[in-house]
C-alpha atoms as a PDB file:
ATOM      1  CA  UNK A   1     -13.934  17.004  13.614  1.00  0.00           C
ATOM      2  CA  UNK A   2     -14.571  14.866  10.655  1.00  0.00           C
ATOM      3  CA  UNK A   3     -16.119  16.302   7.546  1.00  0.00           C
ATOM      4  CA  UNK A   4     -19.616  15.686   6.115  1.00  0.00           C
ATOM      5  CA  UNK A   5     -19.295  15.290   2.425  1.00  0.00           C
ATOM      6  CA  UNK A   6     -21.854  14.464  -0.288  1.00  0.00           C
ATOM      7  CA  UNK A   7     -21.036  12.921  -3.497  1.00  0.00           C
ATOM      8  CA  UNK A   8     -23.570  12.614  -6.387  1.00  0.00           C
ATOM      9  CA  UNK A   9     -23.357   9.823  -8.787  1.00  0.00           C
ATOM     10  CA  UNK A  10     -21.637   8.074  -5.915  1.00  0.00           C
ATOM     11  CA  UNK A  11     -22.396   4.478  -7.263  1.00  0.00           C
ATOM     12  CA  UNK A  12     -19.878   3.697  -9.669  1.00  0.00           C
ATOM     13  CA  UNK A  13     -16.674   4.928 -11.483  1.00  0.00           C
ATOM     14  CA  UNK A  14     -14.756   7.884  -9.720  1.00  0.00           C
ATOM     15  CA  UNK A  15     -17.794   8.738  -7.686  1.00  0.00           C
ATOM     16  CA  UNK A  16     -17.719   5.239  -5.958  1.00  0.00           C
ATOM     17  CA  UNK A  17     -13.927   5.498  -5.810  1.00  0.00           C
ATOM     18  CA  UNK A  18     -14.542   9.058  -3.931  1.00  0.00           C
ATOM     19  CA  UNK A  19     -17.188   7.703  -1.530  1.00  0.00           C
ATOM     20  CA  UNK A  20     -14.771   4.561  -0.649  1.00  0.00           C
ATOM     21  CA  UNK A  21     -11.403   6.951  -0.215  1.00  0.00           C
ATOM     22  CA  UNK A  22     -13.155   9.658   1.737  1.00  0.00           C
ATOM     23  CA  UNK A  23     -14.975   7.572   4.288  1.00  0.00           C
ATOM     24  CA  UNK A  24     -11.359   5.575   4.389  1.00  0.00           C
ATOM     25  CA  UNK A  25     -10.127   8.996   5.572  1.00  0.00           C
ATOM     26  CA  UNK A  26     -12.566   9.231   8.476  1.00  0.00           C
ATOM     27  CA  UNK A  27     -15.286  11.682   6.321  1.00  0.00           C
ATOM     28  CA  UNK A  28     -18.838  11.169   6.994  1.00  0.00           C
ATOM     29  CA  UNK A  29     -20.218  10.519   3.622  1.00  0.00           C
ATOM     30  CA  UNK A  30     -23.518  10.240   1.936  1.00  0.00           C
ATOM     31  CA  UNK A  31     -23.883   9.706  -1.700  1.00  0.00           C
ATOM     32  CA  UNK A  32     -26.746   9.030  -4.027  1.00  0.00           C
ATOM     33  CA  UNK A  33     -27.305   6.736  -6.899  1.00  0.00           C
ATOM     34  CA  UNK A  34     -30.530   6.901  -9.379  1.00  0.00           C
ATOM     35  CA  UNK A  35     -31.673   3.379  -8.281  1.00  0.00           C
ATOM     36  CA  UNK A  36     -32.534   1.327  -5.430  1.00  0.00           C
ATOM     37  CA  UNK A  37     -30.065  -1.387  -6.425  1.00  0.00           C
ATOM     38  CA  UNK A  38     -27.252   0.488  -7.221  1.00  0.00           C
ATOM     39  CA  UNK A  39     -27.347   2.391  -3.892  1.00  0.00           C
ATOM     40  CA  UNK A  40     -27.798  -0.829  -2.491  1.00  0.00           C
ATOM     41  CA  UNK A  41     -24.476  -2.431  -4.652  1.00  0.00           C
ATOM     42  CA  UNK A  42     -22.498   0.743  -3.185  1.00  0.00           C
ATOM     43  CA  UNK A  43     -23.333   0.131   0.306  1.00  0.00           C
ATOM     44  CA  UNK A  44     -22.347  -2.988   0.293  1.00  0.00           C
ATOM     45  CA  UNK A  45     -18.819  -1.920  -1.016  1.00  0.00           C
ATOM     46  CA  UNK A  46     -18.639   1.032   1.396  1.00  0.00           C
ATOM     47  CA  UNK A  47     -20.905   0.332   4.633  1.00  0.00           C
ATOM     48  CA  UNK A  48     -19.464   3.216   6.178  1.00  0.00           C
ATOM     49  CA  UNK A  49     -21.597   5.262   3.976  1.00  0.00           C
ATOM     50  CA  UNK A  50     -25.069   6.521   3.991  1.00  0.00           C
ATOM     51  CA  UNK A  51     -27.009   5.981   0.507  1.00  0.00           C
ATOM     52  CA  UNK A  52     -30.077   7.965  -0.898  1.00  0.00           C
ATOM     53  CA  UNK A  53     -31.830   7.286  -3.897  1.00  0.00           C
ATOM     54  CA  UNK A  54     -31.907  10.786  -6.029  1.00  0.00           C
ATOM     55  CA  UNK A  55     -32.197  12.098  -9.555  1.00  0.00           C
ATOM     56  CA  UNK A  56     -30.409  15.055  -9.363  1.00  0.00           C
ATOM     57  CA  UNK A  57     -32.289  16.682 -12.241  1.00  0.00           C
ATOM     58  CA  UNK A  58     -35.177  16.735  -9.832  1.00  0.00           C
ATOM     59  CA  UNK A  59     -35.003  19.757  -7.719  1.00  0.00           C
ATOM     60  CA  UNK A  60     -37.021  18.194  -4.809  1.00  0.00           C
ATOM     61  CA  UNK A  61     -35.034  15.007  -4.914  1.00  0.00           C
ATOM     62  CA  UNK A  62     -31.711  16.975  -4.167  1.00  0.00           C
ATOM     63  CA  UNK A  63     -33.360  18.785  -1.595  1.00  0.00           C
ATOM     64  CA  UNK A  64     -33.962  15.429  -0.073  1.00  0.00           C
ATOM     65  CA  UNK A  65     -30.735  14.437  -0.355  1.00  0.00           C
ATOM     66  CA  UNK A  66     -29.628  17.470   1.567  1.00  0.00           C
ATOM     67  CA  UNK A  67     -32.009  17.053   4.181  1.00  0.00           C
ATOM     68  CA  UNK A  68     -31.140  13.396   4.608  1.00  0.00           C
ATOM     69  CA  UNK A  69     -27.294  14.476   4.915  1.00  0.00           C
ATOM     70  CA  UNK A  70     -28.038  17.229   7.536  1.00  0.00           C
ATOM     71  CA  UNK A  71     -30.554  15.035   9.563  1.00  0.00           C
ATOM     72  CA  UNK A  72     -27.994  12.494   9.696  1.00  0.00           C
ATOM     73  CA  UNK A  73     -24.837  14.349  10.761  1.00  0.00           C
ATOM     74  CA  UNK A  74     -26.080  18.116  11.188  1.00  0.00           C
ATOM     75  CA  UNK A  75     -24.465  19.928   8.433  1.00  0.00           C
ATOM     76  CA  UNK A  76     -22.825  19.390   4.977  1.00  0.00           C
ATOM     77  CA  UNK A  77     -18.926  20.811   4.839  1.00  0.00           C
ATOM     78  CA  UNK A  78     -18.385  19.353   0.991  1.00  0.00           C
ATOM     79  CA  UNK A  79     -20.491  18.818  -1.736  1.00  0.00           C
ATOM     80  CA  UNK A  80     -19.085  17.302  -4.642  1.00  0.00           C
ATOM     81  CA  UNK A  81     -21.364  17.340  -8.048  1.00  0.00           C
ATOM     82  CA  UNK A  82     -20.088  14.210  -9.689  1.00  0.00           C
ATOM     83  CA  UNK A  83     -23.152  12.763 -11.273  1.00  0.00           C
ATOM     84  CA  UNK A  84     -22.553  12.612 -15.262  1.00  0.00           C
ATOM     85  CA  UNK A  85     -23.095  10.561 -18.210  1.00  0.00           C
ATOM     86  CA  UNK A  86     -21.657  10.598 -21.972  1.00  0.00           C
ATOM     87  CA  UNK A  87     -23.978   9.278 -24.912  1.00  0.00           C
ATOM     88  CA  UNK A  88     -22.563   6.962 -27.923  1.00  0.00           C
ATOM     89  CA  UNK A  89     -19.550   8.774 -29.619  1.00  0.00           C
ATOM     90  CA  UNK A  90     -21.858   9.913 -32.809  1.00  0.00           C
ATOM     91  CA  UNK A  91     -21.892  13.079 -34.496  1.00  0.00           C
ATOM     92  CA  UNK A  92     -24.359  15.477 -33.305  1.00  0.00           C
ATOM     93  CA  UNK A  93     -26.804  14.973 -36.309  1.00  0.00           C
ATOM     94  CA  UNK A  94     -26.648  11.071 -35.892  1.00  0.00           C
ATOM     95  CA  UNK A  95     -26.953  11.179 -31.997  1.00  0.00           C
ATOM     96  CA  UNK A  96     -30.343   9.818 -30.580  1.00  0.00           C
ATOM     97  CA  UNK A  97     -32.362  13.060 -29.385  1.00  0.00           C
ATOM     98  CA  UNK A  98     -33.398  11.271 -26.243  1.00  0.00           C
ATOM     99  CA  UNK A  99     -29.706  10.605 -25.411  1.00  0.00           C
ATOM    100  CA  UNK A 100     -28.750  14.334 -26.143  1.00  0.00           C
ATOM    101  CA  UNK A 101     -31.461  15.368 -23.786  1.00  0.00           C
ATOM    102  CA  UNK A 102     -30.296  13.059 -21.053  1.00  0.00           C
ATOM    103  CA  UNK A 103     -26.796  13.988 -21.168  1.00  0.00           C
ATOM    104  CA  UNK A 104     -27.894  17.543 -21.150  1.00  0.00           C
ATOM    105  CA  UNK A 105     -30.204  17.070 -18.483  1.00  0.00           C
ATOM    106  CA  UNK A 106     -27.939  15.267 -16.052  1.00  0.00           C
ATOM    107  CA  UNK A 107     -24.519  16.821 -16.559  1.00  0.00           C
ATOM    108  CA  UNK A 108     -25.821  20.468 -16.813  1.00  0.00           C
ATOM    109  CA  UNK A 109     -29.341  21.064 -15.731  1.00  0.00           C
ATOM    110  CA  UNK A 110     -28.657  18.408 -12.796  1.00  0.00           C
ATOM    111  CA  UNK A 111     -25.288  20.215 -11.594  1.00  0.00           C
ATOM    112  CA  UNK A 112     -27.227  23.576 -11.750  1.00  0.00           C
ATOM    113  CA  UNK A 113     -29.773  22.103  -9.370  1.00  0.00           C
ATOM    114  CA  UNK A 114     -27.615  20.475  -7.078  1.00  0.00           C
ATOM    115  CA  UNK A 115     -25.493  23.732  -6.661  1.00  0.00           C
ATOM    116  CA  UNK A 116     -28.735  25.468  -6.224  1.00  0.00           C
ATOM    117  CA  UNK A 117     -29.793  23.195  -3.451  1.00  0.00           C
ATOM    118  CA  UNK A 118     -26.039  22.737  -2.006  1.00  0.00           C
ATOM    119  CA  UNK A 119     -25.137  26.640  -1.962  1.00  0.00           C
ATOM    120  CA  UNK A 120     -28.277  27.572  -0.292  1.00  0.00           C
ATOM    121  CA  UNK A 121     -27.859  25.121   2.188  1.00  0.00           C
ATOM    122  CA  UNK A 122     -24.193  26.480   2.877  1.00  0.00           C
ATOM    123  CA  UNK A 123     -25.072  29.875   2.873  1.00  0.00           C
ATOM    124  CA  UNK A 124     -27.700  28.955   5.750  1.00  0.00           C
ATOM    125  CA  UNK A 125     -24.598  27.325   7.514  1.00  0.00           C
ATOM    126  CA  UNK A 126     -22.240  30.160   6.819  1.00  0.00           C
ATOM    127  CA  UNK A 127     -19.663  27.955   5.432  1.00  0.00           C
ATOM    128  CA  UNK A 128     -19.131  24.916   2.899  1.00  0.00           C
ATOM    129  CA  UNK A 129     -17.418  23.750  -0.175  1.00  0.00           C
ATOM    130  CA  UNK A 130     -18.995  22.761  -3.459  1.00  0.00           C
ATOM    131  CA  UNK A 131     -16.865  20.982  -5.889  1.00  0.00           C
ATOM    132  CA  UNK A 132     -18.194  20.616  -9.463  1.00  0.00           C
ATOM    133  CA  UNK A 133     -16.554  17.688 -11.701  1.00  0.00           C
ATOM    134  CA  UNK A 134     -14.758  18.701 -14.906  1.00  0.00           C
ATOM    135  CA  UNK A 135     -14.086  16.495 -17.925  1.00  0.00           C
ATOM    136  CA  UNK A 136     -13.217  16.245 -21.409  1.00  0.00           C
ATOM    137  CA  UNK A 137     -13.997  19.810 -23.020  1.00  0.00           C
ATOM    138  CA  UNK A 138     -13.827  21.583 -19.793  1.00  0.00           C
ATOM    139  CA  UNK A 139     -10.884  23.030 -20.856  1.00  0.00           C
ATOM    140  CA  UNK A 140     -11.555  23.876 -24.513  1.00  0.00           C
ATOM    141  CA  UNK A 141     -10.554  20.427 -26.171  1.00  0.00           C
ATOM    142  CA  UNK A 142     -12.566  19.287 -29.096  1.00  0.00           C
ATOM    143  CA  UNK A 143     -13.309  15.858 -30.630  1.00  0.00           C
ATOM    144  CA  UNK A 144     -15.595  14.909 -33.444  1.00  0.00           C
ATOM    145  CA  UNK A 145     -18.550  12.463 -31.707  1.00  0.00           C
ATOM    146  CA  UNK A 146     -18.361  14.144 -28.075  1.00  0.00           C
ATOM    147  CA  UNK A 147     -19.623  17.253 -29.440  1.00  0.00           C
ATOM    148  CA  UNK A 148     -22.395  17.129 -26.381  1.00  0.00           C
ATOM    149  CA  UNK A 149     -20.521  15.489 -23.519  1.00  0.00           C
ATOM    150  CA  UNK A 150     -17.622  18.296 -24.103  1.00  0.00           C
ATOM    151  CA  UNK A 151     -20.717  20.980 -24.281  1.00  0.00           C
ATOM    152  CA  UNK A 152     -21.676  20.204 -21.180  1.00  0.00           C
ATOM    153  CA  UNK A 153     -18.508  20.184 -19.301  1.00  0.00           C
ATOM    154  CA  UNK A 154     -17.552  23.204 -21.063  1.00  0.00           C
ATOM    155  CA  UNK A 155     -20.717  24.675 -19.389  1.00  0.00           C
ATOM    156  CA  UNK A 156     -19.549  23.245 -15.989  1.00  0.00           C
ATOM    157  CA  UNK A 157     -16.451  25.070 -16.107  1.00  0.00           C
ATOM    158  CA  UNK A 158     -18.273  28.338 -16.813  1.00  0.00           C
ATOM    159  CA  UNK A 159     -20.830  27.668 -13.881  1.00  0.00           C
ATOM    160  CA  UNK A 160     -18.275  26.823 -11.464  1.00  0.00           C
ATOM    161  CA  UNK A 161     -16.341  30.227 -12.458  1.00  0.00           C
ATOM    162  CA  UNK A 162     -19.682  31.933 -11.932  1.00  0.00           C
ATOM    163  CA  UNK A 163     -20.716  30.750  -8.839  1.00  0.00           C
ATOM    164  CA  UNK A 164     -17.252  31.301  -7.333  1.00  0.00           C
ATOM    165  CA  UNK A 165     -18.010  34.791  -8.170  1.00  0.00           C
ATOM    166  CA  UNK A 166     -21.110  34.782  -6.608  1.00  0.00           C
ATOM    167  CA  UNK A 167     -20.311  33.386  -3.620  1.00  0.00           C
ATOM    168  CA  UNK A 168     -17.140  35.558  -3.052  1.00  0.00           C
ATOM    169  CA  UNK A 169     -17.005  36.703   0.931  1.00  0.00           C
ATOM    170  CA  UNK A 170     -19.545  34.709   2.283  1.00  0.00           C
ATOM    171  CA  UNK A 171     -17.847  32.211   3.940  1.00  0.00           C
ATOM    172  CA  UNK A 172     -18.777  29.840   0.865  1.00  0.00           C
ATOM    173  CA  UNK A 173     -16.165  28.717  -1.686  1.00  0.00           C
ATOM    174  CA  UNK A 174     -16.560  26.729  -5.045  1.00  0.00           C
ATOM    175  CA  UNK A 175     -14.060  24.933  -6.962  1.00  0.00           C
ATOM    176  CA  UNK A 176     -13.206  22.767  -9.901  1.00  0.00           C
ATOM    177  CA  UNK A 177     -12.330  18.881  -9.477  1.00  0.00           C
ATOM    178  CA  UNK A 178     -10.643  17.788 -12.810  1.00  0.00           C
ATOM    179  CA  UNK A 179      -9.702  13.587 -12.718  1.00  0.00           C
ATOM    180  CA  UNK A 180      -8.257  13.504 -16.173  1.00  0.00           C
ATOM    181  CA  UNK A 181      -8.743  10.371 -18.037  1.00  0.00           C
ATOM    182  CA  UNK A 182      -9.787   7.405 -16.019  1.00  0.00           C
ATOM    183  CA  UNK A 183     -10.173   4.416 -16.842  1.00  0.00           C
ATOM    184  CA  UNK A 184     -14.407   3.655 -15.865  1.00  0.00           C
ATOM    185  CA  UNK A 185     -17.207   2.512 -18.423  1.00  0.00           C
ATOM    186  CA  UNK A 186     -17.590   6.696 -19.061  1.00  0.00           C
ATOM    187  CA  UNK A 187     -14.082   6.316 -20.765  1.00  0.00           C
ATOM    188  CA  UNK A 188     -14.374   2.875 -22.703  1.00  0.00           C
ATOM    189  CA  UNK A 189     -18.043   2.540 -23.647  1.00  0.00           C
ATOM    190  CA  UNK A 190     -19.428   2.336 -27.393  1.00  0.00           C
ATOM    191  CA  UNK A 191     -16.022   1.259 -28.953  1.00  0.00           C
ATOM    192  CA  UNK A 192     -15.801  -1.612 -31.420  1.00  0.00           C
ATOM    193  CA  UNK A 193     -12.804  -4.160 -30.164  1.00  0.00           C
ATOM    194  CA  UNK A 194     -11.070  -2.667 -33.286  1.00  0.00           C
ATOM    195  CA  UNK A 195     -11.610   1.329 -32.171  1.00  0.00           C
ATOM    196  CA  UNK A 196     -11.154   0.454 -28.331  1.00  0.00           C
ATOM    197  CA  UNK A 197      -7.616  -1.401 -29.195  1.00  0.00           C
ATOM    198  CA  UNK A 198      -6.247   1.628 -30.918  1.00  0.00           C
ATOM    199  CA  UNK A 199      -7.582   3.957 -28.349  1.00  0.00           C
ATOM    200  CA  UNK A 200      -5.852   1.994 -25.712  1.00  0.00           C
ATOM    201  CA  UNK A 201      -2.542   3.299 -27.196  1.00  0.00           C
ATOM    202  CA  UNK A 202      -3.591   6.976 -26.067  1.00  0.00           C
ATOM    203  CA  UNK A 203      -5.163   5.460 -22.875  1.00  0.00           C
ATOM    204  CA  UNK A 204      -2.328   3.597 -21.632  1.00  0.00           C
ATOM    205  CA  UNK A 205      -0.367   6.701 -21.905  1.00  0.00           C
ATOM    206  CA  UNK A 206      -2.718   9.368 -20.305  1.00  0.00           C
ATOM    207  CA  UNK A 207      -5.317   7.250 -18.291  1.00  0.00           C
ATOM    208  CA  UNK A 208      -4.947   6.545 -14.970  1.00  0.00           C
ATOM    209  CA  UNK A 209      -7.102   3.775 -12.937  1.00  0.00           C
ATOM    210  CA  UNK A 210     -10.068   4.805 -10.152  1.00  0.00           C
ATOM    211  CA  UNK A 211      -8.051   3.627  -7.274  1.00  0.00           C
ATOM    212  CA  UNK A 212      -5.015   5.237  -8.904  1.00  0.00           C
ATOM    213  CA  UNK A 213      -6.639   8.905  -8.700  1.00  0.00           C
ATOM    214  CA  UNK A 214      -9.495   9.192  -6.254  1.00  0.00           C
ATOM    215  CA  UNK A 215      -7.065   8.956  -2.732  1.00  0.00           C
ATOM    216  CA  UNK A 216      -5.502  12.051  -4.342  1.00  0.00           C
ATOM    217  CA  UNK A 217      -8.778  13.840  -5.260  1.00  0.00           C
ATOM    218  CA  UNK A 218     -10.102  12.706  -2.093  1.00  0.00           C
ATOM    219  CA  UNK A 219      -6.799  13.991   0.176  1.00  0.00           C
ATOM    220  CA  UNK A 220      -7.337  17.452  -1.963  1.00  0.00           C
ATOM    221  CA  UNK A 221     -10.914  18.161  -1.324  1.00  0.00           C
ATOM    222  CA  UNK A 222     -10.818  17.429   2.386  1.00  0.00           C
ATOM    223  CA  UNK A 223      -7.520  19.929   2.554  1.00  0.00           C
ATOM    224  CA  UNK A 224      -9.786  22.648   0.937  1.00  0.00           C
ATOM    225  CA  UNK A 225      -8.686  25.302  -1.319  1.00  0.00           C
ATOM    226  CA  UNK A 226      -9.195  28.922  -2.092  1.00  0.00           C
ATOM    227  CA  UNK A 227     -12.457  29.901  -3.952  1.00  0.00           C
ATOM    228  CA  UNK A 228     -12.383  29.512  -7.444  1.00  0.00           C
ATOM    229  CA  UNK A 229      -9.322  27.150  -7.450  1.00  0.00           C
ATOM    230  CA  UNK A 230      -9.004  24.219  -9.447  1.00  0.00           C
ATOM    231  CA  UNK A 231      -7.792  20.888  -8.275  1.00  0.00           C
ATOM    232  CA  UNK A 232      -6.289  18.888 -11.322  1.00  0.00           C
ATOM    233  CA  UNK A 233      -4.831  15.109 -11.449  1.00  0.00           C
ATOM    234  CA  UNK A 234      -3.423  15.265 -15.098  1.00  0.00           C
ATOM    235  CA  UNK A 235      -2.101  18.839 -15.710  1.00  0.00           C
ATOM    236  CA  UNK A 236      -0.313  19.925 -19.111  1.00  0.00           C
ATOM    237  CA  UNK A 237       2.669  19.093 -17.557  1.00  0.00           C
ATOM    238  CA  UNK A 238       2.169  15.490 -16.416  1.00  0.00           C
ATOM    239  CA  UNK A 239       0.720  14.907 -19.752  1.00  0.00           C
ATOM    240  CA  UNK A 240       3.526  16.248 -21.524  1.00  0.00           C
ATOM    241  CA  UNK A 241       6.029  14.181 -19.375  1.00  0.00           C
ATOM    242  CA  UNK A 242       4.187  11.039 -20.158  1.00  0.00           C
ATOM    243  CA  UNK A 243       4.046  11.093 -23.944  1.00  0.00           C
ATOM    244  CA  UNK A 244       8.006  12.026 -23.769  1.00  0.00           C
ATOM    245  CA  UNK A 245       8.356   8.849 -21.525  1.00  0.00           C
ATOM    246  CA  UNK A 246       5.429   6.919 -23.422  1.00  0.00           C
ATOM    247  CA  UNK A 247       8.045   4.034 -24.164  1.00  0.00           C
ATOM    248  CA  UNK A 248       7.581   3.012 -20.757  1.00  0.00           C
ATOM    249  CA  UNK A 249       4.759   0.460 -20.906  1.00  0.00           C
ATOM    250  CA  UNK A 250       1.985   1.166 -18.887  1.00  0.00           C
ATOM    251  CA  UNK A 251      -1.417  -1.123 -18.762  1.00  0.00           C
ATOM    252  CA  UNK A 252      -3.730   0.823 -16.899  1.00  0.00           C
ATOM    253  CA  UNK A 253      -6.448  -2.199 -17.820  1.00  0.00           C
ATOM    254  CA  UNK A 254      -4.348  -4.490 -15.876  1.00  0.00           C
ATOM    255  CA  UNK A 255      -4.399  -6.982 -18.679  1.00  0.00           C
ATOM    256  CA  UNK A 256      -0.751  -7.872 -18.227  1.00  0.00           C
ATOM    257  CA  UNK A 257      -1.067  -8.410 -14.562  1.00  0.00           C
END
């Protein structure tokens, strides 16, 4: 029986990549985006998946997303909290207050609302798996200009660990999903041309393309894992090896293709 998977923030970047790869592996995929246009564009790229307009910071909207998936497919086996954003790279006191609020709302409050809806529904079913997307800061790394984003992702890690304790023994599981450094707008926005040229030196060592990472992530999610487990693409060992072999030129931006 094919798995029913919900992906939040599934209209672009890693989210859209997951929607595409999960559908290609026979999963029944339902995804959401914040606007009619974004959902429509994603639907044109992955017609096998079903899109819903939903803002995950709105609990009622998230409940409608769950209900739409259940109405269409009868259940939800896997829920991936992927929706997220990063504000401009600014020191905290220089960051626009609205950007600060929007990032915390989507990355943390939205994830909490979505987790609450998904876990309540899965408890009712007696089974299901929740996956929360980690990012820079989840492992405690720090960088100037990323205080707000990193703080939200650090909180996502705590939330995931805590939820795994709360569902232990219920038949429902909670997991960390760590895609590593992936070339998307989230990674490359807000750089000057000079800054981006410098940053690309590191990106070309550590980063990967969406189409490289998401097939592997999709396979791992569909295979399942123990409650509380972390599935990580860019492990410390892999990162260390890439720095050791950095003389082997990589171009994740496709500029030399």
